[in-house]
Amino acid sequence: MKLLVTLIGLVLILEGLPYLASPETMQNWLRHIAAMEPSRLRRIGLVAMAAGFLLCFLAQRTLLFG
């Protein structure tokens, strides 16, 4: 449970950094994302999830990261 809460905290930190560092740029990006077709956003989300699962797999099941 401790690891899960730590990971959620790290995700929130990483998600918040762009908004703190450059809010105007993030507003432009959000307008751009809002104009995208839902199918394209779905594909982007699928690729991001697959990359995340691959990283988790590599970190847990291989000696690649130590």
C-alpha atoms as a PDB file:
ATOM      1  CA  MET A   1       0.000   0.000   0.000  1.00  0.00           C
ATOM      2  CA  LYS A   2       2.884   2.330   0.826  1.00  0.00           C
ATOM      3  CA  LEU A   3       4.344   1.834  -2.669  1.00  0.00           C
ATOM      4  CA  LEU A   4       0.971   2.518  -4.317  1.00  0.00           C
ATOM      5  CA  VAL A   5       0.491   5.793  -2.427  1.00  0.00           C
ATOM      6  CA  THR A   6       4.078   6.806  -3.262  1.00  0.00           C
ATOM      7  CA  LEU A   7       3.508   6.084  -6.957  1.00  0.00           C
ATOM      8  CA  ILE A   8       0.272   8.080  -6.992  1.00  0.00           C
ATOM      9  CA  GLY A   9       2.123  10.967  -5.336  1.00  0.00           C
ATOM     10  CA  LEU A  10       4.873  10.829  -7.959  1.00  0.00           C
ATOM     11  CA  VAL A  11       2.311  10.809 -10.766  1.00  0.00           C
ATOM     12  CA  LEU A  12       0.629  13.879  -9.291  1.00  0.00           C
ATOM     13  CA  ILE A  13       3.989  15.663  -9.002  1.00  0.00           C
ATOM     14  CA  LEU A  14       4.876  14.873 -12.607  1.00  0.00           C
ATOM     15  CA  GLU A  15       1.414  15.866 -13.832  1.00  0.00           C
ATOM     16  CA  GLY A  16       1.576  19.179 -11.978  1.00  0.00           C
ATOM     17  CA  LEU A  17       5.042  20.271 -13.102  1.00  0.00           C
ATOM     18  CA  PRO A  18       4.081  21.547 -16.578  1.00  0.00           C
ATOM     19  CA  TYR A  19       1.221  23.617 -15.132  1.00  0.00           C
ATOM     20  CA  LEU A  20       3.568  25.198 -12.592  1.00  0.00           C
ATOM     21  CA  ALA A  21       6.445  25.769 -15.020  1.00  0.00           C
ATOM     22  CA  SER A  22       4.499  27.123 -17.987  1.00  0.00           C
ATOM     23  CA  PRO A  23       0.749  27.553 -17.540  1.00  0.00           C
ATOM     24  CA  GLU A  24       0.288  29.488 -20.802  1.00  0.00           C
ATOM     25  CA  THR A  25       1.852  26.691 -22.839  1.00  0.00           C
ATOM     26  CA  MET A  26      -0.337  24.146 -21.066  1.00  0.00           C
ATOM     27  CA  GLN A  27      -3.441  26.183 -21.919  1.00  0.00           C
ATOM     28  CA  ASN A  28      -2.433  26.126 -25.586  1.00  0.00           C
ATOM     29  CA  TRP A  29      -1.833  22.367 -25.436  1.00  0.00           C
ATOM     30  CA  LEU A  30      -5.200  21.797 -23.776  1.00  0.00           C
ATOM     31  CA  ARG A  31      -6.963  23.788 -26.508  1.00  0.00           C
ATOM     32  CA  HIS A  32      -5.139  21.686 -29.103  1.00  0.00           C
ATOM     33  CA  ILE A  33      -6.105  18.445 -27.346  1.00  0.00           C
ATOM     34  CA  ALA A  34      -9.743  19.562 -27.035  1.00  0.00           C
ATOM     35  CA  ALA A  35      -9.850  20.054 -30.813  1.00  0.00           C
ATOM     36  CA  MET A  36      -8.580  16.518 -31.555  1.00  0.00           C
ATOM     37  CA  GLU A  37     -10.879  13.743 -32.688  1.00  0.00           C
ATOM     38  CA  PRO A  38     -11.816  11.276 -29.928  1.00  0.00           C
ATOM     39  CA  SER A  39     -10.474   8.347 -31.942  1.00  0.00           C
ATOM     40  CA  ARG A  40      -7.035   9.973 -32.138  1.00  0.00           C
ATOM     41  CA  LEU A  41      -7.043  10.650 -28.391  1.00  0.00           C
ATOM     42  CA  ARG A  42      -8.023   7.023 -27.806  1.00  0.00           C
ATOM     43  CA  ARG A  43      -5.063   5.825 -29.898  1.00  0.00           C
ATOM     44  CA  ILE A  44      -2.690   8.138 -28.039  1.00  0.00           C
ATOM     45  CA  GLY A  45      -4.026   6.806 -24.724  1.00  0.00           C
ATOM     46  CA  LEU A  46      -3.604   3.218 -25.881  1.00  0.00           C
ATOM     47  CA  VAL A  47      -0.001   3.829 -26.913  1.00  0.00           C
ATOM     48  CA  ALA A  48       0.741   5.568 -23.595  1.00  0.00           C
ATOM     49  CA  MET A  49      -0.767   2.680 -21.633  1.00  0.00           C
ATOM     50  CA  ALA A  50       1.153   0.096 -23.665  1.00  0.00           C
ATOM     51  CA  ALA A  51       4.397   1.995 -23.080  1.00  0.00           C
ATOM     52  CA  GLY A  52       3.636   2.154 -19.354  1.00  0.00           C
ATOM     53  CA  PHE A  53       2.882  -1.559 -19.159  1.00  0.00           C
ATOM     54  CA  LEU A  54       6.072  -2.334 -21.082  1.00  0.00           C
ATOM     55  CA  LEU A  55       8.153  -0.199 -18.712  1.00  0.00           C
ATOM     56  CA  CYS A  56       6.560  -1.847 -15.672  1.00  0.00           C
ATOM     57  CA  PHE A  57       7.180  -5.293 -17.145  1.00  0.00           C
ATOM     58  CA  LEU A  58      10.802  -4.524 -17.972  1.00  0.00           C
ATOM     59  CA  ALA A  59      11.428  -3.033 -14.532  1.00  0.00           C
ATOM     60  CA  GLN A  60       9.859  -5.965 -12.665  1.00  0.00           C
ATOM     61  CA  ARG A  61      10.729  -9.004 -14.769  1.00  0.00           C
ATOM     62  CA  THR A  62      14.143  -8.297 -16.254  1.00  0.00           C
ATOM     63  CA  LEU A  63      17.553  -7.258 -15.022  1.00  0.00           C
ATOM     64  CA  LEU A  64      17.581  -4.337 -17.439  1.00  0.00           C
ATOM     65  CA  PHE A  65      17.197  -1.700 -14.710  1.00  0.00           C
ATOM     66  CA  GLY A  66      19.440  -3.212 -12.080  1.00  0.00           C
END
